[in-house]
Amino acid sequence: ILLAQRLDKQLQQLINDRSSVYYTSEKKYLSYAPQEFIPQWLWQVFGIIMIGLTLLMIFNVLLQHQVKKKTSELKETNRLLTKSEREARLAAQTIEASQDIGFWFQPGQPFIRVNQAAMDLTGFSEEELLNMVPRDLLATNKNQEYYDSLRDGNWDGHLLFEESFKKRDGGVFPVE
């Protein structure tokens, strides 16, 4: 019993002193410090990767929005172009089938297109007419201001005047 009391007293002194061998041994042999299964640097790499993926997803959503927007704009433009092309084709077919002469041109430029009635009436071939400018067909100079407007491009696309055009054989015919 005496030995047990003495051991209890000695143990009590060791417990009361925080820097004793008791606490040193306890820390060394009895305490369990959990080990890190994932190192801190790996968490940082994971965080950077997640931020990067988030930014890529945001960028992807923005790009998809832009693609949808541009696609709808292109569809609308294509629809309008198709409609315009149909209307232009119908107009060209109508004028081509017409008995009236038809010339297409840009100011100061050779004819772009002529219809069959223009070739029949003037006697010039399509190739010859496509190498001419409107002034080449004029038989007179009585409407000089109109011709200058055509050459300079200072017109609104609609001119109305009376004139005479030359034929290949030297003859003339009236036009309005």
C-alpha atoms as a PDB file:
ATOM      1  CA  ILE A   1       0.000   0.000   0.000  1.00  0.00           C
ATOM      2  CA  LEU A   2       2.838   2.324   0.840  1.00  0.00           C
ATOM      3  CA  LEU A   3       4.350   1.768  -2.566  1.00  0.00           C
ATOM      4  CA  ALA A   4       1.008   2.466  -4.221  1.00  0.00           C
ATOM      5  CA  GLN A   5       0.563   5.674  -2.249  1.00  0.00           C
ATOM      6  CA  ARG A   6       4.044   6.789  -3.140  1.00  0.00           C
ATOM      7  CA  LEU A   7       3.456   6.053  -6.837  1.00  0.00           C
ATOM      8  CA  ASP A   8       0.157   7.959  -6.694  1.00  0.00           C
ATOM      9  CA  LYS A   9       1.887  10.986  -5.129  1.00  0.00           C
ATOM     10  CA  GLN A  10       4.703  10.904  -7.704  1.00  0.00           C
ATOM     11  CA  LEU A  11       2.205  10.548 -10.537  1.00  0.00           C
ATOM     12  CA  GLN A  12       0.159  13.446  -9.125  1.00  0.00           C
ATOM     13  CA  GLN A  13       3.265  15.708  -9.211  1.00  0.00           C
ATOM     14  CA  LEU A  14       3.959  14.725 -12.813  1.00  0.00           C
ATOM     15  CA  ILE A  15       0.353  15.445 -13.792  1.00  0.00           C
ATOM     16  CA  ASN A  16       0.463  18.886 -12.124  1.00  0.00           C
ATOM     17  CA  ASP A  17       3.615  19.894 -14.029  1.00  0.00           C
ATOM     18  CA  ARG A  18       2.737  20.491 -17.746  1.00  0.00           C
ATOM     19  CA  SER A  19       6.395  20.257 -18.754  1.00  0.00           C
ATOM     20  CA  SER A  20       6.995  16.926 -17.000  1.00  0.00           C
ATOM     21  CA  VAL A  21       8.076  13.665 -18.568  1.00  0.00           C
ATOM     22  CA  TYR A  22       4.479  12.476 -18.200  1.00  0.00           C
ATOM     23  CA  TYR A  23       3.154  14.984 -20.760  1.00  0.00           C
ATOM     24  CA  THR A  24       6.174  14.618 -23.027  1.00  0.00           C
ATOM     25  CA  SER A  25       5.705  10.845 -23.115  1.00  0.00           C
ATOM     26  CA  GLU A  26       1.968  11.186 -23.570  1.00  0.00           C
ATOM     27  CA  LYS A  27       2.465  13.416 -26.586  1.00  0.00           C
ATOM     28  CA  LYS A  28       5.137  11.164 -27.994  1.00  0.00           C
ATOM     29  CA  TYR A  29       3.520   7.760 -27.487  1.00  0.00           C
ATOM     30  CA  LEU A  30      -0.176   8.132 -26.730  1.00  0.00           C
ATOM     31  CA  SER A  31      -1.514  11.026 -28.755  1.00  0.00           C
ATOM     32  CA  TYR A  32      -2.834  10.382 -32.240  1.00  0.00           C
ATOM     33  CA  ALA A  33      -2.368  13.140 -34.794  1.00  0.00           C
ATOM     34  CA  PRO A  34      -4.463  12.464 -37.859  1.00  0.00           C
ATOM     35  CA  GLN A  35      -2.451  12.285 -41.051  1.00  0.00           C
ATOM     36  CA  GLU A  36      -3.426  14.457 -44.035  1.00  0.00           C
ATOM     37  CA  PHE A  37      -4.719  12.208 -46.748  1.00  0.00           C
ATOM     38  CA  ILE A  38      -4.714  15.044 -49.332  1.00  0.00           C
ATOM     39  CA  PRO A  39      -1.837  17.508 -49.129  1.00  0.00           C
ATOM     40  CA  GLN A  40      -2.563  21.238 -49.047  1.00  0.00           C
ATOM     41  CA  TRP A  41      -0.900  21.895 -52.423  1.00  0.00           C
ATOM     42  CA  LEU A  42      -3.218  19.360 -54.040  1.00  0.00           C
ATOM     43  CA  TRP A  43      -6.231  21.277 -52.699  1.00  0.00           C
ATOM     44  CA  GLN A  44      -4.820  24.469 -54.249  1.00  0.00           C
ATOM     45  CA  VAL A  45      -4.325  22.770 -57.626  1.00  0.00           C
ATOM     46  CA  PHE A  46      -7.862  21.402 -57.415  1.00  0.00           C
ATOM     47  CA  GLY A  47      -9.189  24.896 -56.630  1.00  0.00           C
ATOM     48  CA  ILE A  48      -7.346  26.431 -59.590  1.00  0.00           C
ATOM     49  CA  ILE A  49      -8.674  23.719 -61.894  1.00  0.00           C
ATOM     50  CA  MET A  50     -12.237  24.316 -60.664  1.00  0.00           C
ATOM     51  CA  ILE A  51     -11.914  28.072 -61.225  1.00  0.00           C
ATOM     52  CA  GLY A  52     -10.564  27.400 -64.722  1.00  0.00           C
ATOM     53  CA  LEU A  53     -13.414  25.007 -65.535  1.00  0.00           C
ATOM     54  CA  THR A  54     -15.959  27.516 -64.257  1.00  0.00           C
ATOM     55  CA  LEU A  55     -14.476  30.235 -66.461  1.00  0.00           C
ATOM     56  CA  LEU A  56     -14.500  27.880 -69.453  1.00  0.00           C
ATOM     57  CA  MET A  57     -18.146  27.030 -68.838  1.00  0.00           C
ATOM     58  CA  ILE A  58     -19.055  30.725 -68.642  1.00  0.00           C
ATOM     59  CA  PHE A  59     -17.066  31.388 -71.826  1.00  0.00           C
ATOM     60  CA  ASN A  60     -18.814  28.459 -73.522  1.00  0.00           C
ATOM     61  CA  VAL A  61     -22.265  29.766 -72.574  1.00  0.00           C
ATOM     62  CA  LEU A  62     -21.372  33.219 -73.917  1.00  0.00           C
ATOM     63  CA  LEU A  63     -20.084  31.728 -77.170  1.00  0.00           C
ATOM     64  CA  GLN A  64     -23.212  29.611 -77.582  1.00  0.00           C
ATOM     65  CA  HIS A  65     -25.323  32.729 -77.101  1.00  0.00           C
ATOM     66  CA  GLN A  66     -23.287  34.594 -79.742  1.00  0.00           C
ATOM     67  CA  VAL A  67     -23.527  31.656 -82.165  1.00  0.00           C
ATOM     68  CA  LYS A  68     -27.316  31.470 -81.736  1.00  0.00           C
ATOM     69  CA  LYS A  69     -27.614  35.222 -82.231  1.00  0.00           C
ATOM     70  CA  LYS A  70     -25.441  35.240 -85.365  1.00  0.00           C
ATOM     71  CA  THR A  71     -27.199  32.139 -86.717  1.00  0.00           C
ATOM     72  CA  SER A  72     -30.595  33.784 -86.389  1.00  0.00           C
ATOM     73  CA  GLU A  73     -29.243  36.943 -88.045  1.00  0.00           C
ATOM     74  CA  LEU A  74     -27.822  34.869 -90.910  1.00  0.00           C
ATOM     75  CA  LYS A  75     -31.103  32.972 -91.288  1.00  0.00           C
ATOM     76  CA  GLU A  76     -33.004  36.250 -91.520  1.00  0.00           C
ATOM     77  CA  THR A  77     -30.492  37.669 -94.014  1.00  0.00           C
ATOM     78  CA  ASN A  78     -30.688  34.466 -96.037  1.00  0.00           C
ATOM     79  CA  ARG A  79     -34.496  34.619 -95.996  1.00  0.00           C
ATOM     80  CA  LEU A  80     -34.422  38.218 -97.233  1.00  0.00           C
ATOM     81  CA  LEU A  81     -31.839  37.404 -99.907  1.00  0.00           C
ATOM     82  CA  THR A  82     -33.873  34.429-101.101  1.00  0.00           C
ATOM     83  CA  LYS A  83     -36.980  36.595-101.273  1.00  0.00           C
ATOM     84  CA  SER A  84     -35.079  39.335-103.108  1.00  0.00           C
ATOM     85  CA  GLU A  85     -33.563  36.796-105.498  1.00  0.00           C
ATOM     86  CA  ARG A  86     -37.005  35.363-106.302  1.00  0.00           C
ATOM     87  CA  GLU A  87     -38.364  38.868-106.918  1.00  0.00           C
ATOM     88  CA  ALA A  88     -35.376  39.805-109.101  1.00  0.00           C
ATOM     89  CA  ARG A  89     -35.679  36.555-111.078  1.00  0.00           C
ATOM     90  CA  LEU A  90     -39.391  37.181-111.605  1.00  0.00           C
ATOM     91  CA  ALA A  91     -38.725  40.766-112.703  1.00  0.00           C
ATOM     92  CA  ALA A  92     -35.966  39.628-115.069  1.00  0.00           C
ATOM     93  CA  GLN A  93     -38.186  36.902-116.550  1.00  0.00           C
ATOM     94  CA  THR A  94     -41.029  39.387-116.946  1.00  0.00           C
ATOM     95  CA  ILE A  95     -38.826  41.942-118.689  1.00  0.00           C
ATOM     96  CA  GLU A  96     -37.121  39.226-120.752  1.00  0.00           C
ATOM     97  CA  ALA A  97     -40.507  38.028-121.997  1.00  0.00           C
ATOM     98  CA  SER A  98     -41.710  41.571-122.642  1.00  0.00           C
ATOM     99  CA  GLN A  99     -42.013  43.008-126.128  1.00  0.00           C
ATOM    100  CA  ASP A 100     -40.584  46.276-124.773  1.00  0.00           C
ATOM    101  CA  ILE A 101     -36.833  46.769-124.885  1.00  0.00           C
ATOM    102  CA  GLY A 102     -34.991  46.444-121.593  1.00  0.00           C
ATOM    103  CA  PHE A 103     -31.482  47.576-120.680  1.00  0.00           C
ATOM    104  CA  TRP A 104     -29.773  47.162-117.285  1.00  0.00           C
ATOM    105  CA  PHE A 105     -26.787  49.361-116.531  1.00  0.00           C
ATOM    106  CA  GLN A 106     -24.840  51.240-113.863  1.00  0.00           C
ATOM    107  CA  PRO A 107     -24.090  54.943-114.425  1.00  0.00           C
ATOM    108  CA  GLY A 108     -21.008  55.388-116.591  1.00  0.00           C
ATOM    109  CA  GLN A 109     -20.676  51.621-117.116  1.00  0.00           C
ATOM    110  CA  PRO A 110     -21.483  49.335-120.066  1.00  0.00           C
ATOM    111  CA  PHE A 111     -24.823  47.586-120.151  1.00  0.00           C
ATOM    112  CA  ILE A 112     -25.090  44.730-117.643  1.00  0.00           C
ATOM    113  CA  ARG A 113     -27.936  42.936-119.366  1.00  0.00           C
ATOM    114  CA  VAL A 114     -30.268  43.414-122.313  1.00  0.00           C
ATOM    115  CA  ASN A 115     -33.427  41.562-123.237  1.00  0.00           C
ATOM    116  CA  GLN A 116     -34.233  39.871-126.531  1.00  0.00           C
ATOM    117  CA  ALA A 117     -36.523  42.721-127.631  1.00  0.00           C
ATOM    118  CA  ALA A 118     -33.577  45.163-127.350  1.00  0.00           C
ATOM    119  CA  MET A 119     -31.407  42.920-129.512  1.00  0.00           C
ATOM    120  CA  ASP A 120     -34.183  42.428-132.074  1.00  0.00           C
ATOM    121  CA  LEU A 121     -35.012  46.138-132.326  1.00  0.00           C
ATOM    122  CA  THR A 122     -31.439  47.496-132.415  1.00  0.00           C
ATOM    123  CA  GLY A 123     -29.996  44.697-134.558  1.00  0.00           C
ATOM    124  CA  PHE A 124     -26.949  44.460-132.257  1.00  0.00           C
ATOM    125  CA  SER A 125     -25.949  41.141-130.714  1.00  0.00           C
ATOM    126  CA  GLU A 126     -25.985  40.658-126.968  1.00  0.00           C
ATOM    127  CA  GLU A 127     -22.167  40.730-126.897  1.00  0.00           C
ATOM    128  CA  GLU A 128     -22.074  44.014-128.821  1.00  0.00           C
ATOM    129  CA  LEU A 129     -24.662  45.651-126.579  1.00  0.00           C
ATOM    130  CA  LEU A 130     -22.888  44.483-123.398  1.00  0.00           C
ATOM    131  CA  ASN A 131     -19.798  46.366-124.604  1.00  0.00           C
ATOM    132  CA  MET A 132     -21.729  49.613-125.103  1.00  0.00           C
ATOM    133  CA  VAL A 133     -22.764  52.391-122.731  1.00  0.00           C
ATOM    134  CA  PRO A 134     -26.189  54.046-123.130  1.00  0.00           C
ATOM    135  CA  ARG A 135     -24.649  57.064-124.898  1.00  0.00           C
ATOM    136  CA  ASP A 136     -23.441  54.764-127.727  1.00  0.00           C
ATOM    137  CA  LEU A 137     -27.055  54.163-128.791  1.00  0.00           C
ATOM    138  CA  LEU A 138     -28.155  57.824-128.813  1.00  0.00           C
ATOM    139  CA  ALA A 139     -29.037  59.284-132.170  1.00  0.00           C
ATOM    140  CA  THR A 140     -29.134  62.938-130.929  1.00  0.00           C
ATOM    141  CA  ASN A 141     -27.761  65.108-128.129  1.00  0.00           C
ATOM    142  CA  LYS A 142     -31.009  66.883-127.317  1.00  0.00           C
ATOM    143  CA  ASN A 143     -31.131  65.539-123.720  1.00  0.00           C
ATOM    144  CA  GLN A 144     -27.530  66.295-122.743  1.00  0.00           C
ATOM    145  CA  GLU A 145     -28.332  67.049-119.075  1.00  0.00           C
ATOM    146  CA  TYR A 146     -29.930  63.597-118.658  1.00  0.00           C
ATOM    147  CA  TYR A 147     -26.919  61.867-120.157  1.00  0.00           C
ATOM    148  CA  ASP A 148     -24.555  63.787-117.922  1.00  0.00           C
ATOM    149  CA  SER A 149     -26.690  62.735-114.939  1.00  0.00           C
ATOM    150  CA  LEU A 150     -26.419  59.122-116.042  1.00  0.00           C
ATOM    151  CA  ARG A 151     -22.655  59.333-116.526  1.00  0.00           C
ATOM    152  CA  ASP A 152     -22.015  61.140-113.216  1.00  0.00           C
ATOM    153  CA  GLY A 153     -24.399  58.969-111.198  1.00  0.00           C
ATOM    154  CA  ASN A 154     -26.327  62.033-109.992  1.00  0.00           C
ATOM    155  CA  TRP A 155     -29.759  60.542-110.316  1.00  0.00           C
ATOM    156  CA  ASP A 156     -32.271  58.722-108.180  1.00  0.00           C
ATOM    157  CA  GLY A 157     -32.611  55.707-110.482  1.00  0.00           C
ATOM    158  CA  HIS A 158     -35.601  56.996-112.470  1.00  0.00           C
ATOM    159  CA  LEU A 159     -35.281  59.170-115.554  1.00  0.00           C
ATOM    160  CA  LEU A 160     -37.992  59.874-118.085  1.00  0.00           C
ATOM    161  CA  PHE A 161     -37.326  61.506-121.422  1.00  0.00           C
ATOM    162  CA  GLU A 162     -37.860  60.964-125.138  1.00  0.00           C
ATOM    163  CA  GLU A 163     -34.967  60.216-127.461  1.00  0.00           C
ATOM    164  CA  SER A 164     -34.037  58.308-130.577  1.00  0.00           C
ATOM    165  CA  PHE A 165     -31.741  55.246-130.486  1.00  0.00           C
ATOM    166  CA  LYS A 166     -29.529  54.058-133.311  1.00  0.00           C
ATOM    167  CA  LYS A 167     -29.900  50.691-134.965  1.00  0.00           C
ATOM    168  CA  ARG A 168     -27.021  48.601-136.242  1.00  0.00           C
ATOM    169  CA  ASP A 169     -28.091  49.255-139.838  1.00  0.00           C
ATOM    170  CA  GLY A 170     -27.986  53.065-139.313  1.00  0.00           C
ATOM    171  CA  GLY A 171     -31.685  53.528-138.802  1.00  0.00           C
ATOM    172  CA  VAL A 172     -33.199  55.133-135.689  1.00  0.00           C
ATOM    173  CA  PHE A 173     -36.220  54.429-133.522  1.00  0.00           C
ATOM    174  CA  PRO A 174     -37.935  56.508-130.801  1.00  0.00           C
ATOM    175  CA  VAL A 175     -37.666  55.580-127.157  1.00  0.00           C
ATOM    176  CA  GLU A 176     -39.193  57.004-124.004  1.00  0.00           C
END
